[in-house]
């Protein structure tokens, strides 16, 4: 369920059905499409994404905002671009 206190993501990357590390590669390739400070949502259903995406954010100094469970399976990972 979307958090009303958070702005909607500027960009949504649909990586459903893709195995890691593909969701992270998709995120890395498209990060610069959004302005610094904006949020990207990555939709993924590979359980590895639950650890890999937050770890990538720490390694790349990007803000991992939150994880939400999607109604039809999988998760939405919200990342704020910091630079």
PDB file of N, CA and C in Angstrom:
ATOM      1  N   UNK A   1       0.851  -1.185   0.000  1.00  0.00           N
ATOM      2  CA  UNK A   1       0.000   0.000   0.000  1.00  0.00           C
ATOM      3  C   UNK A   1       0.894   1.244   0.000  1.00  0.00           C
ATOM      4  N   UNK A   2       0.655   2.188  -0.874  1.00  0.00           N
ATOM      5  CA  UNK A   2       1.481   3.393  -0.940  1.00  0.00           C
ATOM      6  C   UNK A   2       1.411   4.177   0.365  1.00  0.00           C
ATOM      7  N   UNK A   3       2.522   4.786   0.724  1.00  0.00           N
ATOM      8  CA  UNK A   3       2.612   5.602   1.930  1.00  0.00           C
ATOM      9  C   UNK A   3       2.236   7.031   1.556  1.00  0.00           C
ATOM     10  N   UNK A   4       1.099   7.554   2.089  1.00  0.00           N
ATOM     11  CA  UNK A   4       0.666   8.893   1.699  1.00  0.00           C
ATOM     12  C   UNK A   4       1.638   9.995   2.125  1.00  0.00           C
ATOM     13  N   UNK A   5       2.534   9.706   3.075  1.00  0.00           N
ATOM     14  CA  UNK A   5       3.492  10.714   3.518  1.00  0.00           C
ATOM     15  C   UNK A   5       4.699  10.812   2.579  1.00  0.00           C
ATOM     16  N   UNK A   6       4.823   9.884   1.646  1.00  0.00           N
ATOM     17  CA  UNK A   6       5.946   9.866   0.708  1.00  0.00           C
ATOM     18  C   UNK A   6       5.466  10.293  -0.676  1.00  0.00           C
ATOM     19  N   UNK A   7       6.253  11.118  -1.391  1.00  0.00           N
ATOM     20  CA  UNK A   7       5.856  11.475  -2.751  1.00  0.00           C
ATOM     21  C   UNK A   7       5.941  10.248  -3.666  1.00  0.00           C
ATOM     22  N   UNK A   8       5.150  10.228  -4.731  1.00  0.00           N
ATOM     23  CA  UNK A   8       5.236   9.089  -5.655  1.00  0.00           C
ATOM     24  C   UNK A   8       6.601   9.094  -6.348  1.00  0.00           C
ATOM     25  N   UNK A   9       7.078   7.925  -6.752  1.00  0.00           N
ATOM     26  CA  UNK A   9       8.369   7.870  -7.442  1.00  0.00           C
ATOM     27  C   UNK A   9       8.309   8.592  -8.792  1.00  0.00           C
ATOM     28  N   UNK A  10       9.424   9.200  -9.155  1.00  0.00           N
ATOM     29  CA  UNK A  10       9.547   9.869 -10.448  1.00  0.00           C
ATOM     30  C   UNK A  10       9.649   8.845 -11.567  1.00  0.00           C
ATOM     31  N   UNK A  11      10.268   7.704 -11.270  1.00  0.00           N
ATOM     32  CA  UNK A  11      10.507   6.656 -12.262  1.00  0.00           C
ATOM     33  C   UNK A  11      10.204   5.312 -11.624  1.00  0.00           C
ATOM     34  N   UNK A  12       9.496   4.443 -12.342  1.00  0.00           N
ATOM     35  CA  UNK A  12       9.232   3.080 -11.886  1.00  0.00           C
ATOM     36  C   UNK A  12       9.898   2.128 -12.869  1.00  0.00           C
ATOM     37  N   UNK A  13      10.751   1.257 -12.342  1.00  0.00           N
ATOM     38  CA  UNK A  13      11.440   0.251 -13.151  1.00  0.00           C
ATOM     39  C   UNK A  13      10.789  -1.097 -12.869  1.00  0.00           C
ATOM     40  N   UNK A  14      10.201  -1.701 -13.880  1.00  0.00           N
ATOM     41  CA  UNK A  14       9.528  -2.988 -13.721  1.00  0.00           C
ATOM     42  C   UNK A  14      10.522  -4.106 -14.008  1.00  0.00           C
ATOM     43  N   UNK A  15      11.022  -4.724 -12.940  1.00  0.00           N
ATOM     44  CA  UNK A  15      11.949  -5.844 -13.071  1.00  0.00           C
ATOM     45  C   UNK A  15      11.289  -7.145 -12.601  1.00  0.00           C
ATOM     46  N   UNK A  16       9.965  -7.158 -12.576  1.00  0.00           N
ATOM     47  CA  UNK A  16       9.249  -8.373 -12.168  1.00  0.00           C
ATOM     48  C   UNK A  16       9.586  -9.510 -13.128  1.00  0.00           C
ATOM     49  N   UNK A  17       9.850 -10.678 -12.570  1.00  0.00           N
ATOM     50  CA  UNK A  17      10.194 -11.834 -13.387  1.00  0.00           C
ATOM     51  C   UNK A  17      11.670 -11.912 -13.753  1.00  0.00           C
ATOM     52  N   UNK A  18      12.455 -10.931 -13.354  1.00  0.00           N
ATOM     53  CA  UNK A  18      13.884 -10.911 -13.663  1.00  0.00           C
ATOM     54  C   UNK A  18      14.661 -11.343 -12.428  1.00  0.00           C
ATOM     55  N   UNK A  19      15.680 -12.148 -12.618  1.00  0.00           N
ATOM     56  CA  UNK A  19      16.516 -12.612 -11.509  1.00  0.00           C
ATOM     57  C   UNK A  19      17.637 -11.621 -11.241  1.00  0.00           C
ATOM     58  N   UNK A  20      18.010 -11.519  -9.969  1.00  0.00           N
ATOM     59  CA  UNK A  20      19.152 -10.681  -9.621  1.00  0.00           C
ATOM     60  C   UNK A  20      20.398 -11.258 -10.296  1.00  0.00           C
ATOM     61  N   UNK A  21      21.281 -10.402 -10.783  1.00  0.00           N
ATOM     62  CA  UNK A  21      21.382  -8.969 -10.497  1.00  0.00           C
ATOM     63  C   UNK A  21      20.687  -8.061 -11.509  1.00  0.00           C
ATOM     64  N   UNK A  22      19.819  -8.589 -12.368  1.00  0.00           N
ATOM     65  CA  UNK A  22      19.192  -7.762 -13.413  1.00  0.00           C
ATOM     66  C   UNK A  22      18.459  -6.550 -12.834  1.00  0.00           C
ATOM     67  N   UNK A  23      17.660  -6.673 -11.747  1.00  0.00           N
ATOM     68  CA  UNK A  23      17.012  -5.466 -11.225  1.00  0.00           C
ATOM     69  C   UNK A  23      18.020  -4.373 -10.827  1.00  0.00           C
ATOM     70  N   UNK A  24      19.150  -4.761 -10.268  1.00  0.00           N
ATOM     71  CA  UNK A  24      20.170  -3.780  -9.877  1.00  0.00           C
ATOM     72  C   UNK A  24      20.818  -3.170 -11.113  1.00  0.00           C
ATOM     73  N   UNK A  25      21.069  -3.962 -12.122  1.00  0.00           N
ATOM     74  CA  UNK A  25      21.650  -3.439 -13.365  1.00  0.00           C
ATOM     75  C   UNK A  25      20.681  -2.425 -13.988  1.00  0.00           C
ATOM     76  N   UNK A  26      19.392  -2.751 -13.987  1.00  0.00           N
ATOM     77  CA  UNK A  26      18.389  -1.839 -14.530  1.00  0.00           C
ATOM     78  C   UNK A  26      18.368  -0.534 -13.728  1.00  0.00           C
ATOM     79  N   UNK A  27      18.451  -0.638 -12.407  1.00  0.00           N
ATOM     80  CA  UNK A  27      18.485   0.546 -11.551  1.00  0.00           C
ATOM     81  C   UNK A  27      19.723   1.393 -11.844  1.00  0.00           C
ATOM     82  N   UNK A  28      20.874   0.759 -11.906  1.00  0.00           N
ATOM     83  CA  UNK A  28      22.128   1.484 -12.139  1.00  0.00           C
ATOM     84  C   UNK A  28      22.109   2.199 -13.495  1.00  0.00           C
ATOM     85  N   UNK A  29      21.553   1.538 -14.509  1.00  0.00           N
ATOM     86  CA  UNK A  29      21.512   2.127 -15.856  1.00  0.00           C
ATOM     87  C   UNK A  29      20.592   3.348 -15.931  1.00  0.00           C
ATOM     88  N   UNK A  30      19.566   3.375 -15.094  1.00  0.00           N
ATOM     89  CA  UNK A  30      18.541   4.422 -15.232  1.00  0.00           C
ATOM     90  C   UNK A  30      18.559   5.464 -14.124  1.00  0.00           C
ATOM     91  N   UNK A  31      19.427   5.308 -13.150  1.00  0.00           N
ATOM     92  CA  UNK A  31      19.482   6.223 -12.005  1.00  0.00           C
ATOM     93  C   UNK A  31      19.593   7.675 -12.437  1.00  0.00           C
ATOM     94  N   UNK A  32      20.416   7.952 -13.421  1.00  0.00           N
ATOM     95  CA  UNK A  32      20.668   9.337 -13.834  1.00  0.00           C
ATOM     96  C   UNK A  32      19.520   9.952 -14.630  1.00  0.00           C
ATOM     97  N   UNK A  33      18.459   9.179 -14.870  1.00  0.00           N
ATOM     98  CA  UNK A  33      17.290   9.731 -15.554  1.00  0.00           C
ATOM     99  C   UNK A  33      16.453  10.620 -14.637  1.00  0.00           C
ATOM    100  N   UNK A  34      16.667  10.514 -13.332  1.00  0.00           N
ATOM    101  CA  UNK A  34      15.878  11.323 -12.396  1.00  0.00           C
ATOM    102  C   UNK A  34      16.776  12.352 -11.726  1.00  0.00           C
ATOM    103  N   UNK A  35      16.215  13.496 -11.357  1.00  0.00           N
ATOM    104  CA  UNK A  35      17.015  14.518 -10.672  1.00  0.00           C
ATOM    105  C   UNK A  35      17.452  14.045  -9.284  1.00  0.00           C
ATOM    106  N   UNK A  36      18.573  14.584  -8.827  1.00  0.00           N
ATOM    107  CA  UNK A  36      19.031  14.321  -7.458  1.00  0.00           C
ATOM    108  C   UNK A  36      17.903  14.698  -6.502  1.00  0.00           C
ATOM    109  N   UNK A  37      17.637  13.838  -5.538  1.00  0.00           N
ATOM    110  CA  UNK A  37      16.565  14.070  -4.571  1.00  0.00           C
ATOM    111  C   UNK A  37      15.271  13.366  -4.912  1.00  0.00           C
ATOM    112  N   UNK A  38      15.108  12.945  -6.165  1.00  0.00           N
ATOM    113  CA  UNK A  38      13.892  12.239  -6.570  1.00  0.00           C
ATOM    114  C   UNK A  38      14.009  10.747  -6.250  1.00  0.00           C
ATOM    115  N   UNK A  39      12.857  10.077  -6.284  1.00  0.00           N
ATOM    116  CA  UNK A  39      12.775   8.667  -5.907  1.00  0.00           C
ATOM    117  C   UNK A  39      12.492   7.801  -7.123  1.00  0.00           C
ATOM    118  N   UNK A  40      13.188   6.674  -7.171  1.00  0.00           N
ATOM    119  CA  UNK A  40      12.962   5.625  -8.169  1.00  0.00           C
ATOM    120  C   UNK A  40      12.366   4.431  -7.433  1.00  0.00           C
ATOM    121  N   UNK A  41      11.377   3.794  -8.032  1.00  0.00           N
ATOM    122  CA  UNK A  41      10.842   2.544  -7.497  1.00  0.00           C
ATOM    123  C   UNK A  41      11.276   1.415  -8.426  1.00  0.00           C
ATOM    124  N   UNK A  42      11.813   0.355  -7.831  1.00  0.00           N
ATOM    125  CA  UNK A  42      12.162  -0.849  -8.584  1.00  0.00           C
ATOM    126  C   UNK A  42      11.190  -1.936  -8.133  1.00  0.00           C
ATOM    127  N   UNK A  43      10.435  -2.473  -9.088  1.00  0.00           N
ATOM    128  CA  UNK A  43       9.514  -3.579  -8.801  1.00  0.00           C
ATOM    129  C   UNK A  43      10.234  -4.872  -9.121  1.00  0.00           C
ATOM    130  N   UNK A  44      10.313  -5.771  -8.132  1.00  0.00           N
ATOM    131  CA  UNK A  44      11.032  -7.033  -8.331  1.00  0.00           C
ATOM    132  C   UNK A  44      10.373  -8.126  -7.509  1.00  0.00           C
ATOM    133  N   UNK A  45      10.467  -9.365  -8.018  1.00  0.00           N
ATOM    134  CA  UNK A  45       9.909 -10.491  -7.270  1.00  0.00           C
ATOM    135  C   UNK A  45      10.942 -11.575  -6.979  1.00  0.00           C
ATOM    136  N   UNK A  46      12.205 -11.316  -7.291  1.00  0.00           N
ATOM    137  CA  UNK A  46      13.276 -12.232  -6.908  1.00  0.00           C
ATOM    138  C   UNK A  46      13.641 -11.909  -5.460  1.00  0.00           C
ATOM    139  N   UNK A  47      13.540 -12.901  -4.577  1.00  0.00           N
ATOM    140  CA  UNK A  47      13.777 -12.669  -3.151  1.00  0.00           C
ATOM    141  C   UNK A  47      15.172 -12.091  -2.896  1.00  0.00           C
ATOM    142  N   UNK A  48      16.134 -12.353  -3.753  1.00  0.00           N
ATOM    143  CA  UNK A  48      17.481 -11.814  -3.575  1.00  0.00           C
ATOM    144  C   UNK A  48      17.484 -10.289  -3.629  1.00  0.00           C
ATOM    145  N   UNK A  49      16.523  -9.699  -4.324  1.00  0.00           N
ATOM    146  CA  UNK A  49      16.460  -8.240  -4.425  1.00  0.00           C
ATOM    147  C   UNK A  49      16.254  -7.600  -3.054  1.00  0.00           C
ATOM    148  N   UNK A  50      15.627  -8.324  -2.125  1.00  0.00           N
ATOM    149  CA  UNK A  50      15.361  -7.762  -0.792  1.00  0.00           C
ATOM    150  C   UNK A  50      16.652  -7.463  -0.036  1.00  0.00           C
ATOM    151  N   UNK A  51      17.712  -8.169  -0.320  1.00  0.00           N
ATOM    152  CA  UNK A  51      19.011  -7.867   0.298  1.00  0.00           C
ATOM    153  C   UNK A  51      19.922  -7.132  -0.675  1.00  0.00           C
ATOM    154  N   UNK A  52      19.841  -7.469  -1.956  1.00  0.00           N
ATOM    155  CA  UNK A  52      20.768  -6.891  -2.933  1.00  0.00           C
ATOM    156  C   UNK A  52      20.531  -5.405  -3.178  1.00  0.00           C
ATOM    157  N   UNK A  53      19.287  -4.971  -3.265  1.00  0.00           N
ATOM    158  CA  UNK A  53      19.021  -3.553  -3.563  1.00  0.00           C
ATOM    159  C   UNK A  53      19.448  -2.659  -2.396  1.00  0.00           C
ATOM    160  N   UNK A  54      19.077  -2.975  -1.137  1.00  0.00           N
ATOM    161  CA  UNK A  54      19.590  -2.142  -0.037  1.00  0.00           C
ATOM    162  C   UNK A  54      21.127  -2.150   0.043  1.00  0.00           C
ATOM    163  N   UNK A  55      21.752  -3.291  -0.237  1.00  0.00           N
ATOM    164  CA  UNK A  55      23.220  -3.366  -0.214  1.00  0.00           C
ATOM    165  C   UNK A  55      23.823  -2.495  -1.311  1.00  0.00           C
ATOM    166  N   UNK A  56      23.221  -2.514  -2.496  1.00  0.00           N
ATOM    167  CA  UNK A  56      23.703  -1.659  -3.597  1.00  0.00           C
ATOM    168  C   UNK A  56      23.599  -0.190  -3.192  1.00  0.00           C
ATOM    169  N   UNK A  57      22.486   0.178  -2.560  1.00  0.00           N
ATOM    170  CA  UNK A  57      22.303   1.568  -2.125  1.00  0.00           C
ATOM    171  C   UNK A  57      23.401   1.975  -1.140  1.00  0.00           C
ATOM    172  N   UNK A  58      23.743   1.104  -0.205  1.00  0.00           N
ATOM    173  CA  UNK A  58      24.816   1.422   0.744  1.00  0.00           C
ATOM    174  C   UNK A  58      26.149   1.574   0.014  1.00  0.00           C
ATOM    175  N   UNK A  59      26.444   0.671  -0.898  1.00  0.00           N
ATOM    176  CA  UNK A  59      27.712   0.717  -1.634  1.00  0.00           C
ATOM    177  C   UNK A  59      27.815   1.963  -2.503  1.00  0.00           C
ATOM    178  N   UNK A  60      26.709   2.405  -3.070  1.00  0.00           N
ATOM    179  CA  UNK A  60      26.700   3.544  -3.997  1.00  0.00           C
ATOM    180  C   UNK A  60      26.276   4.845  -3.324  1.00  0.00           C
ATOM    181  N   UNK A  61      26.107   4.829  -2.008  1.00  0.00           N
ATOM    182  CA  UNK A  61      25.708   6.020  -1.248  1.00  0.00           C
ATOM    183  C   UNK A  61      24.406   6.639  -1.769  1.00  0.00           C
ATOM    184  N   UNK A  62      23.456   5.780  -2.091  1.00  0.00           N
ATOM    185  CA  UNK A  62      22.104   6.228  -2.450  1.00  0.00           C
ATOM    186  C   UNK A  62      21.186   5.904  -1.268  1.00  0.00           C
ATOM    187  N   UNK A  63      20.102   6.656  -1.108  1.00  0.00           N
ATOM    188  CA  UNK A  63      19.199   6.449   0.033  1.00  0.00           C
ATOM    189  C   UNK A  63      18.185   5.355  -0.280  1.00  0.00           C
ATOM    190  N   UNK A  64      18.217   4.282   0.519  1.00  0.00           N
ATOM    191  CA  UNK A  64      17.164   3.272   0.434  1.00  0.00           C
ATOM    192  C   UNK A  64      16.016   3.791   1.294  1.00  0.00           C
ATOM    193  N   UNK A  65      14.901   4.148   0.659  1.00  0.00           N
ATOM    194  CA  UNK A  65      13.792   4.785   1.358  1.00  0.00           C
ATOM    195  C   UNK A  65      12.921   3.746   2.058  1.00  0.00           C
ATOM    196  N   UNK A  66      12.478   2.753   1.302  1.00  0.00           N
ATOM    197  CA  UNK A  66      11.599   1.737   1.897  1.00  0.00           C
ATOM    198  C   UNK A  66      11.367   0.584   0.929  1.00  0.00           C
ATOM    199  N   UNK A  67      10.820  -0.477   1.501  1.00  0.00           N
ATOM    200  CA  UNK A  67      10.355  -1.638   0.725  1.00  0.00           C
ATOM    201  C   UNK A  67       8.870  -1.777   1.012  1.00  0.00           C
ATOM    202  N   UNK A  68       8.094  -2.033  -0.044  1.00  0.00           N
ATOM    203  CA  UNK A  68       6.668  -2.290   0.143  1.00  0.00           C
ATOM    204  C   UNK A  68       6.309  -3.583  -0.563  1.00  0.00           C
ATOM    205  N   UNK A  69       5.367  -4.315   0.001  1.00  0.00           N
ATOM    206  CA  UNK A  69       4.899  -5.556  -0.608  1.00  0.00           C
ATOM    207  C   UNK A  69       3.852  -5.212  -1.662  1.00  0.00           C
ATOM    208  N   UNK A  70       4.034  -5.775  -2.851  1.00  0.00           N
ATOM    209  CA  UNK A  70       3.086  -5.532  -3.940  1.00  0.00           C
ATOM    210  C   UNK A  70       1.882  -6.465  -3.804  1.00  0.00           C
ATOM    211  N   UNK A  71       0.690  -6.009  -4.187  1.00  0.00           N
ATOM    212  CA  UNK A  71      -0.514  -6.827  -4.005  1.00  0.00           C
ATOM    213  C   UNK A  71      -0.497  -8.138  -4.791  1.00  0.00           C
ATOM    214  N   UNK A  72       0.195  -8.185  -5.922  1.00  0.00           N
ATOM    215  CA  UNK A  72       0.197  -9.407  -6.747  1.00  0.00           C
ATOM    216  C   UNK A  72       1.503 -10.174  -6.638  1.00  0.00           C
ATOM    217  N   UNK A  73       2.260  -9.914  -5.577  1.00  0.00           N
ATOM    218  CA  UNK A  73       3.525 -10.612  -5.350  1.00  0.00           C
ATOM    219  C   UNK A  73       4.712  -9.748  -5.717  1.00  0.00           C
ATOM    220  N   UNK A  74       5.771  -9.934  -4.969  1.00  0.00           N
ATOM    221  CA  UNK A  74       6.970  -9.142  -5.181  1.00  0.00           C
ATOM    222  C   UNK A  74       6.975  -7.916  -4.291  1.00  0.00           C
ATOM    223  N   UNK A  75       7.924  -7.037  -4.563  1.00  0.00           N
ATOM    224  CA  UNK A  75       8.131  -5.870  -3.716  1.00  0.00           C
ATOM    225  C   UNK A  75       8.420  -4.653  -4.571  1.00  0.00           C
ATOM    226  N   UNK A  76       8.147  -3.511  -3.995  1.00  0.00           N
ATOM    227  CA  UNK A  76       8.560  -2.239  -4.580  1.00  0.00           C
ATOM    228  C   UNK A  76       9.639  -1.653  -3.690  1.00  0.00           C
ATOM    229  N   UNK A  77      10.789  -1.376  -4.254  1.00  0.00           N
ATOM    230  CA  UNK A  77      11.911  -0.818  -3.504  1.00  0.00           C
ATOM    231  C   UNK A  77      12.076   0.634  -3.932  1.00  0.00           C
ATOM    232  N   UNK A  78      12.048   1.538  -2.958  1.00  0.00           N
ATOM    233  CA  UNK A  78      12.115   2.969  -3.243  1.00  0.00           C
ATOM    234  C   UNK A  78      13.513   3.478  -2.887  1.00  0.00           C
ATOM    235  N   UNK A  79      14.154   4.095  -3.857  1.00  0.00           N
ATOM    236  CA  UNK A  79      15.518   4.593  -3.720  1.00  0.00           C
ATOM    237  C   UNK A  79      15.534   6.073  -4.073  1.00  0.00           C
ATOM    238  N   UNK A  80      16.127   6.895  -3.205  1.00  0.00           N
ATOM    239  CA  UNK A  80      16.258   8.329  -3.478  1.00  0.00           C
ATOM    240  C   UNK A  80      17.654   8.596  -4.010  1.00  0.00           C
ATOM    241  N   UNK A  81      17.738   9.257  -5.166  1.00  0.00           N
ATOM    242  CA  UNK A  81      19.033   9.592  -5.762  1.00  0.00           C
ATOM    243  C   UNK A  81      19.690  10.688  -4.930  1.00  0.00           C
ATOM    244  N   UNK A  82      20.934  10.458  -4.523  1.00  0.00           N
ATOM    245  CA  UNK A  82      21.635  11.424  -3.664  1.00  0.00           C
ATOM    246  C   UNK A  82      22.673  12.240  -4.401  1.00  0.00           C
ATOM    247  N   UNK A  83      23.109  11.774  -5.557  1.00  0.00           N
ATOM    248  CA  UNK A  83      24.095  12.557  -6.330  1.00  0.00           C
ATOM    249  C   UNK A  83      23.991  12.205  -7.796  1.00  0.00           C
TER     250      UNK A  83
END
